[in-house]
Amino acid sequence: MKIIFFLLLVFGLHSLVFAQDLEIIRRAGAIGKSVGAGSQRQDTIAFEHRKDDTLFLSYRYLDSTRRSTLDSSINDFDHYYSVPSYWQNLGNNGAAATALIYNSFAKPGWDAGFHSFDLYRFTTEGTKLYKTNRPFSMPAYQLASGKEQMIQVVHTQNPRPNVNFGFDYRLINAPGLFLNQNNNHNAWRLYGNY
């Protein structure tokens, strides 16, 4: 009788022991997505908003008019690493890498085909043009085994309502296990928007 009661209890309460609620995960996946007219909801928090300590921040890419917000969710955590999950490198951060999914080089003109280190460069297409009400800085530091490190600094500010300027800096340093495996990349980008 005790076994039957225990089994009924376990099977009856199994829905309460999920570590992750699927509805919460679905809502968290929408964090950091584009800000559109359909995503406006009524604010349910009943306290006074103070402008002095509130930062409003959004960004867009150079070839887009859609504004997005920063993504602070755990989804797509592999974007913080310099090599995406669909690329393969030689085992050391900053080493030569190639895409596992074929992507043709579609720019006009002759191409020598040396693109092993293009992954670590800043590109014009990847530049985020921010809009903020106060200066914003985002430093990041990653330390891995074998003295591998990645330092990234983003700073942007709007001195006037429609004028924005900022800079990105990224250092990837990995000494490697062998003498000829040392990788060191310094990349910086200055941008402005009016």
C-alpha atoms as a PDB file:
ATOM      1  CA  MET A   1       0.000   0.000   0.000  1.00  0.00           C
ATOM      2  CA  LYS A   2       2.872   2.369   0.795  1.00  0.00           C
ATOM      3  CA  ILE A   3       4.460   1.634  -2.577  1.00  0.00           C
ATOM      4  CA  ILE A   4       1.242   2.425  -4.449  1.00  0.00           C
ATOM      5  CA  PHE A   5       0.791   5.665  -2.507  1.00  0.00           C
ATOM      6  CA  PHE A   6       4.412   6.641  -3.201  1.00  0.00           C
ATOM      7  CA  LEU A   7       4.058   5.923  -6.941  1.00  0.00           C
ATOM      8  CA  LEU A   8       0.836   7.949  -7.134  1.00  0.00           C
ATOM      9  CA  LEU A   9       2.561  10.791  -5.315  1.00  0.00           C
ATOM     10  CA  VAL A  10       5.583  10.696  -7.641  1.00  0.00           C
ATOM     11  CA  PHE A  11       3.515  10.502 -10.828  1.00  0.00           C
ATOM     12  CA  GLY A  12       1.035  13.098  -9.554  1.00  0.00           C
ATOM     13  CA  LEU A  13       3.674  15.679  -8.655  1.00  0.00           C
ATOM     14  CA  HIS A  14       6.115  15.122 -11.513  1.00  0.00           C
ATOM     15  CA  SER A  15       5.077  18.352 -13.237  1.00  0.00           C
ATOM     16  CA  LEU A  16       6.187  20.395 -10.218  1.00  0.00           C
ATOM     17  CA  VAL A  17       9.775  19.158 -10.276  1.00  0.00           C
ATOM     18  CA  PHE A  18      10.830  20.490 -13.685  1.00  0.00           C
ATOM     19  CA  ALA A  19      13.968  22.566 -13.291  1.00  0.00           C
ATOM     20  CA  GLN A  20      13.019  24.790 -16.203  1.00  0.00           C
ATOM     21  CA  ASP A  21       9.568  26.043 -17.006  1.00  0.00           C
ATOM     22  CA  LEU A  22       9.108  26.019 -20.787  1.00  0.00           C
ATOM     23  CA  GLU A  23       6.996  29.185 -20.764  1.00  0.00           C
ATOM     24  CA  ILE A  24       9.750  31.094 -18.963  1.00  0.00           C
ATOM     25  CA  ILE A  25      12.321  29.803 -21.465  1.00  0.00           C
ATOM     26  CA  ARG A  26      10.136  30.893 -24.388  1.00  0.00           C
ATOM     27  CA  ARG A  27       9.767  34.371 -22.888  1.00  0.00           C
ATOM     28  CA  ALA A  28      13.510  34.581 -22.160  1.00  0.00           C
ATOM     29  CA  GLY A  29      14.227  33.768 -25.803  1.00  0.00           C
ATOM     30  CA  ALA A  30      12.458  36.989 -26.781  1.00  0.00           C
ATOM     31  CA  ILE A  31      14.815  39.095 -24.662  1.00  0.00           C
ATOM     32  CA  GLY A  32      17.159  41.092 -26.830  1.00  0.00           C
ATOM     33  CA  LYS A  33      15.089  40.713 -29.956  1.00  0.00           C
ATOM     34  CA  SER A  34      13.976  43.620 -32.090  1.00  0.00           C
ATOM     35  CA  VAL A  35      11.873  46.360 -30.579  1.00  0.00           C
ATOM     36  CA  GLY A  36       8.765  46.853 -32.657  1.00  0.00           C
ATOM     37  CA  ALA A  37       5.318  48.336 -32.334  1.00  0.00           C
ATOM     38  CA  GLY A  38       3.752  44.930 -31.644  1.00  0.00           C
ATOM     39  CA  SER A  39       6.011  44.233 -28.668  1.00  0.00           C
ATOM     40  CA  GLN A  40       4.836  47.217 -26.593  1.00  0.00           C
ATOM     41  CA  ARG A  41       3.151  46.106 -23.381  1.00  0.00           C
ATOM     42  CA  GLN A  42       1.764  47.999 -20.433  1.00  0.00           C
ATOM     43  CA  ASP A  43       4.199  48.505 -17.556  1.00  0.00           C
ATOM     44  CA  THR A  44       2.902  46.678 -14.487  1.00  0.00           C
ATOM     45  CA  ILE A  45       5.547  47.847 -12.023  1.00  0.00           C
ATOM     46  CA  ALA A  46       4.058  50.472  -9.741  1.00  0.00           C
ATOM     47  CA  PHE A  47       6.948  52.698  -8.727  1.00  0.00           C
ATOM     48  CA  GLU A  48       8.295  56.012  -9.847  1.00  0.00           C
ATOM     49  CA  HIS A  49      10.795  55.844 -12.683  1.00  0.00           C
ATOM     50  CA  ARG A  50      13.779  58.090 -12.058  1.00  0.00           C
ATOM     51  CA  LYS A  51      15.542  59.383 -15.133  1.00  0.00           C
ATOM     52  CA  ASP A  52      18.779  60.078 -13.250  1.00  0.00           C
ATOM     53  CA  ASP A  53      19.680  56.418 -12.822  1.00  0.00           C
ATOM     54  CA  THR A  54      17.986  54.888 -15.865  1.00  0.00           C
ATOM     55  CA  LEU A  55      19.841  53.966 -19.029  1.00  0.00           C
ATOM     56  CA  PHE A  56      17.923  53.582 -22.274  1.00  0.00           C
ATOM     57  CA  LEU A  57      20.041  51.729 -24.812  1.00  0.00           C
ATOM     58  CA  SER A  58      19.271  50.344 -28.245  1.00  0.00           C
ATOM     59  CA  TYR A  59      21.326  49.666 -31.329  1.00  0.00           C
ATOM     60  CA  ARG A  60      20.980  48.949 -35.014  1.00  0.00           C
ATOM     61  CA  TYR A  61      23.322  47.651 -37.664  1.00  0.00           C
ATOM     62  CA  LEU A  62      24.487  49.797 -40.553  1.00  0.00           C
ATOM     63  CA  ASP A  63      22.340  48.010 -43.138  1.00  0.00           C
ATOM     64  CA  SER A  64      19.183  47.827 -41.006  1.00  0.00           C
ATOM     65  CA  THR A  65      16.529  50.187 -39.688  1.00  0.00           C
ATOM     66  CA  ARG A  66      15.338  47.748 -37.012  1.00  0.00           C
ATOM     67  CA  ARG A  67      16.404  48.694 -33.475  1.00  0.00           C
ATOM     68  CA  SER A  68      17.413  45.980 -31.014  1.00  0.00           C
ATOM     69  CA  THR A  69      18.212  45.915 -27.307  1.00  0.00           C
ATOM     70  CA  LEU A  70      21.121  44.235 -25.560  1.00  0.00           C
ATOM     71  CA  ASP A  71      20.655  40.526 -24.943  1.00  0.00           C
ATOM     72  CA  SER A  72      21.485  39.520 -21.376  1.00  0.00           C
ATOM     73  CA  SER A  73      19.843  36.088 -21.412  1.00  0.00           C
ATOM     74  CA  ILE A  74      21.693  32.789 -21.283  1.00  0.00           C
ATOM     75  CA  ASN A  75      20.436  31.834 -24.742  1.00  0.00           C
ATOM     76  CA  ASP A  76      23.159  31.792 -27.410  1.00  0.00           C
ATOM     77  CA  PHE A  77      25.914  31.887 -24.800  1.00  0.00           C
ATOM     78  CA  ASP A  78      28.459  30.763 -27.400  1.00  0.00           C
ATOM     79  CA  HIS A  79      28.363  34.263 -28.949  1.00  0.00           C
ATOM     80  CA  TYR A  80      30.689  35.457 -26.168  1.00  0.00           C
ATOM     81  CA  TYR A  81      33.466  33.225 -27.490  1.00  0.00           C
ATOM     82  CA  SER A  82      35.412  34.621 -30.442  1.00  0.00           C
ATOM     83  CA  VAL A  83      34.920  31.470 -32.571  1.00  0.00           C
ATOM     84  CA  PRO A  84      31.256  30.591 -33.303  1.00  0.00           C
ATOM     85  CA  SER A  85      30.084  27.026 -32.797  1.00  0.00           C
ATOM     86  CA  TYR A  86      29.765  26.433 -36.558  1.00  0.00           C
ATOM     87  CA  TRP A  87      33.463  27.224 -37.163  1.00  0.00           C
ATOM     88  CA  GLN A  88      36.520  25.043 -36.633  1.00  0.00           C
ATOM     89  CA  ASN A  89      39.905  26.361 -35.525  1.00  0.00           C
ATOM     90  CA  LEU A  90      43.276  24.766 -34.846  1.00  0.00           C
ATOM     91  CA  GLY A  91      42.568  24.409 -31.123  1.00  0.00           C
ATOM     92  CA  ASN A  92      43.942  27.699 -29.901  1.00  0.00           C
ATOM     93  CA  ASN A  93      41.853  30.857 -29.564  1.00  0.00           C
ATOM     94  CA  GLY A  94      42.967  33.216 -32.324  1.00  0.00           C
ATOM     95  CA  ALA A  95      44.330  30.438 -34.550  1.00  0.00           C
ATOM     96  CA  ALA A  96      43.394  29.973 -38.203  1.00  0.00           C
ATOM     97  CA  ALA A  97      39.748  28.973 -38.572  1.00  0.00           C
ATOM     98  CA  THR A  98      37.392  27.802 -41.284  1.00  0.00           C
ATOM     99  CA  ALA A  99      33.624  27.584 -41.494  1.00  0.00           C
ATOM    100  CA  LEU A 100      32.018  24.160 -41.209  1.00  0.00           C
ATOM    101  CA  ILE A 101      29.083  25.410 -43.290  1.00  0.00           C
ATOM    102  CA  TYR A 102      30.081  26.451 -46.814  1.00  0.00           C
ATOM    103  CA  ASN A 103      29.676  30.144 -47.508  1.00  0.00           C
ATOM    104  CA  SER A 104      30.806  31.540 -50.847  1.00  0.00           C
ATOM    105  CA  PHE A 105      32.805  34.755 -50.978  1.00  0.00           C
ATOM    106  CA  ALA A 106      30.414  36.953 -52.964  1.00  0.00           C
ATOM    107  CA  LYS A 107      32.327  40.228 -53.225  1.00  0.00           C
ATOM    108  CA  PRO A 108      33.232  41.494 -56.710  1.00  0.00           C
ATOM    109  CA  GLY A 109      36.789  41.314 -57.974  1.00  0.00           C
ATOM    110  CA  TRP A 110      39.607  38.847 -57.701  1.00  0.00           C
ATOM    111  CA  ASP A 111      40.134  37.061 -54.379  1.00  0.00           C
ATOM    112  CA  ALA A 112      43.321  35.299 -53.267  1.00  0.00           C
ATOM    113  CA  GLY A 113      41.376  33.125 -50.822  1.00  0.00           C
ATOM    114  CA  PHE A 114      43.285  33.900 -47.635  1.00  0.00           C
ATOM    115  CA  HIS A 115      40.405  34.142 -45.158  1.00  0.00           C
ATOM    116  CA  SER A 116      41.638  32.040 -42.231  1.00  0.00           C
ATOM    117  CA  PHE A 117      41.832  34.999 -39.874  1.00  0.00           C
ATOM    118  CA  ASP A 118      38.859  37.030 -41.149  1.00  0.00           C
ATOM    119  CA  LEU A 119      36.814  35.736 -38.237  1.00  0.00           C
ATOM    120  CA  TYR A 120      38.777  37.879 -35.773  1.00  0.00           C
ATOM    121  CA  ARG A 121      38.466  41.158 -37.704  1.00  0.00           C
ATOM    122  CA  PHE A 122      35.866  43.822 -37.076  1.00  0.00           C
ATOM    123  CA  THR A 123      33.693  44.344 -40.154  1.00  0.00           C
ATOM    124  CA  THR A 124      31.545  47.232 -41.296  1.00  0.00           C
ATOM    125  CA  GLU A 125      28.501  44.947 -41.414  1.00  0.00           C
ATOM    126  CA  GLY A 126      28.966  43.992 -37.750  1.00  0.00           C
ATOM    127  CA  THR A 127      29.177  47.564 -36.440  1.00  0.00           C
ATOM    128  CA  LYS A 128      26.464  48.353 -33.908  1.00  0.00           C
ATOM    129  CA  LEU A 129      25.272  51.964 -33.980  1.00  0.00           C
ATOM    130  CA  TYR A 130      23.949  52.726 -30.507  1.00  0.00           C
ATOM    131  CA  LYS A 131      21.370  55.201 -29.280  1.00  0.00           C
ATOM    132  CA  THR A 132      21.600  55.983 -25.577  1.00  0.00           C
ATOM    133  CA  ASN A 133      20.693  58.741 -23.154  1.00  0.00           C
ATOM    134  CA  ARG A 134      24.031  58.630 -21.266  1.00  0.00           C
ATOM    135  CA  PRO A 135      27.550  57.277 -21.844  1.00  0.00           C
ATOM    136  CA  PHE A 136      27.695  53.478 -21.850  1.00  0.00           C
ATOM    137  CA  SER A 137      30.758  51.260 -21.404  1.00  0.00           C
ATOM    138  CA  MET A 138      30.894  47.479 -21.426  1.00  0.00           C
ATOM    139  CA  PRO A 139      34.230  45.884 -20.496  1.00  0.00           C
ATOM    140  CA  ALA A 140      34.602  42.105 -20.786  1.00  0.00           C
ATOM    141  CA  TYR A 141      37.452  39.846 -19.741  1.00  0.00           C
ATOM    142  CA  GLN A 142      37.737  36.104 -20.339  1.00  0.00           C
ATOM    143  CA  LEU A 143      40.538  33.969 -19.007  1.00  0.00           C
ATOM    144  CA  ALA A 144      41.024  30.356 -20.071  1.00  0.00           C
ATOM    145  CA  SER A 145      43.510  27.636 -19.346  1.00  0.00           C
ATOM    146  CA  GLY A 146      47.035  28.029 -20.661  1.00  0.00           C
ATOM    147  CA  LYS A 147      47.075  31.837 -20.226  1.00  0.00           C
ATOM    148  CA  GLU A 148      44.526  32.385 -22.994  1.00  0.00           C
ATOM    149  CA  GLN A 149      42.712  35.671 -22.567  1.00  0.00           C
ATOM    150  CA  MET A 150      40.252  37.856 -24.410  1.00  0.00           C
ATOM    151  CA  ILE A 151      39.662  41.476 -23.456  1.00  0.00           C
ATOM    152  CA  GLN A 152      36.866  43.449 -25.064  1.00  0.00           C
ATOM    153  CA  VAL A 153      35.816  47.050 -24.392  1.00  0.00           C
ATOM    154  CA  VAL A 154      32.816  48.836 -25.909  1.00  0.00           C
ATOM    155  CA  HIS A 155      32.153  52.522 -25.224  1.00  0.00           C
ATOM    156  CA  THR A 156      29.483  54.697 -26.798  1.00  0.00           C
ATOM    157  CA  GLN A 157      27.848  58.010 -26.018  1.00  0.00           C
ATOM    158  CA  ASN A 158      25.463  60.533 -27.493  1.00  0.00           C
ATOM    159  CA  PRO A 159      26.729  64.109 -26.934  1.00  0.00           C
ATOM    160  CA  ARG A 160      23.646  65.395 -28.788  1.00  0.00           C
ATOM    161  CA  PRO A 161      20.296  63.607 -29.233  1.00  0.00           C
ATOM    162  CA  ASN A 162      21.003  62.525 -32.830  1.00  0.00           C
ATOM    163  CA  VAL A 163      24.813  62.253 -32.713  1.00  0.00           C
ATOM    164  CA  ASN A 164      26.542  59.074 -31.561  1.00  0.00           C
ATOM    165  CA  PHE A 165      30.160  58.020 -31.474  1.00  0.00           C
ATOM    166  CA  GLY A 166      32.032  55.192 -29.857  1.00  0.00           C
ATOM    167  CA  PHE A 167      34.751  52.607 -30.134  1.00  0.00           C
ATOM    168  CA  ASP A 168      35.251  48.857 -29.813  1.00  0.00           C
ATOM    169  CA  TYR A 169      38.502  47.206 -28.818  1.00  0.00           C
ATOM    170  CA  ARG A 170      39.272  43.490 -28.669  1.00  0.00           C
ATOM    171  CA  LEU A 171      42.470  41.713 -27.687  1.00  0.00           C
ATOM    172  CA  ILE A 172      42.813  37.957 -28.198  1.00  0.00           C
ATOM    173  CA  ASN A 173      45.995  36.503 -26.771  1.00  0.00           C
ATOM    174  CA  ALA A 174      46.770  32.783 -26.588  1.00  0.00           C
ATOM    175  CA  PRO A 175      50.402  31.679 -26.156  1.00  0.00           C
ATOM    176  CA  GLY A 176      49.610  28.063 -27.015  1.00  0.00           C
ATOM    177  CA  LEU A 177      51.375  24.870 -26.019  1.00  0.00           C
ATOM    178  CA  PHE A 178      54.102  24.880 -28.674  1.00  0.00           C
ATOM    179  CA  LEU A 179      56.641  27.553 -29.637  1.00  0.00           C
ATOM    180  CA  ASN A 180      54.990  28.407 -32.971  1.00  0.00           C
ATOM    181  CA  GLN A 181      51.439  28.462 -31.648  1.00  0.00           C
ATOM    182  CA  ASN A 182      51.396  32.004 -30.239  1.00  0.00           C
ATOM    183  CA  ASN A 183      48.306  33.983 -31.334  1.00  0.00           C
ATOM    184  CA  ASN A 184      47.840  37.670 -30.685  1.00  0.00           C
ATOM    185  CA  HIS A 185      45.086  39.774 -32.278  1.00  0.00           C
ATOM    186  CA  ASN A 186      44.379  43.445 -31.599  1.00  0.00           C
ATOM    187  CA  ALA A 187      41.275  44.838 -33.276  1.00  0.00           C
ATOM    188  CA  TRP A 188      39.739  48.247 -32.832  1.00  0.00           C
ATOM    189  CA  ARG A 189      36.896  50.110 -34.466  1.00  0.00           C
ATOM    190  CA  LEU A 190      35.834  53.755 -34.288  1.00  0.00           C
ATOM    191  CA  TYR A 191      32.335  54.648 -35.421  1.00  0.00           C
ATOM    192  CA  GLY A 192      29.983  57.577 -35.519  1.00  0.00           C
ATOM    193  CA  ASN A 193      26.391  58.125 -36.488  1.00  0.00           C
ATOM    194  CA  TYR A 194      24.386  61.246 -37.212  1.00  0.00           C
END
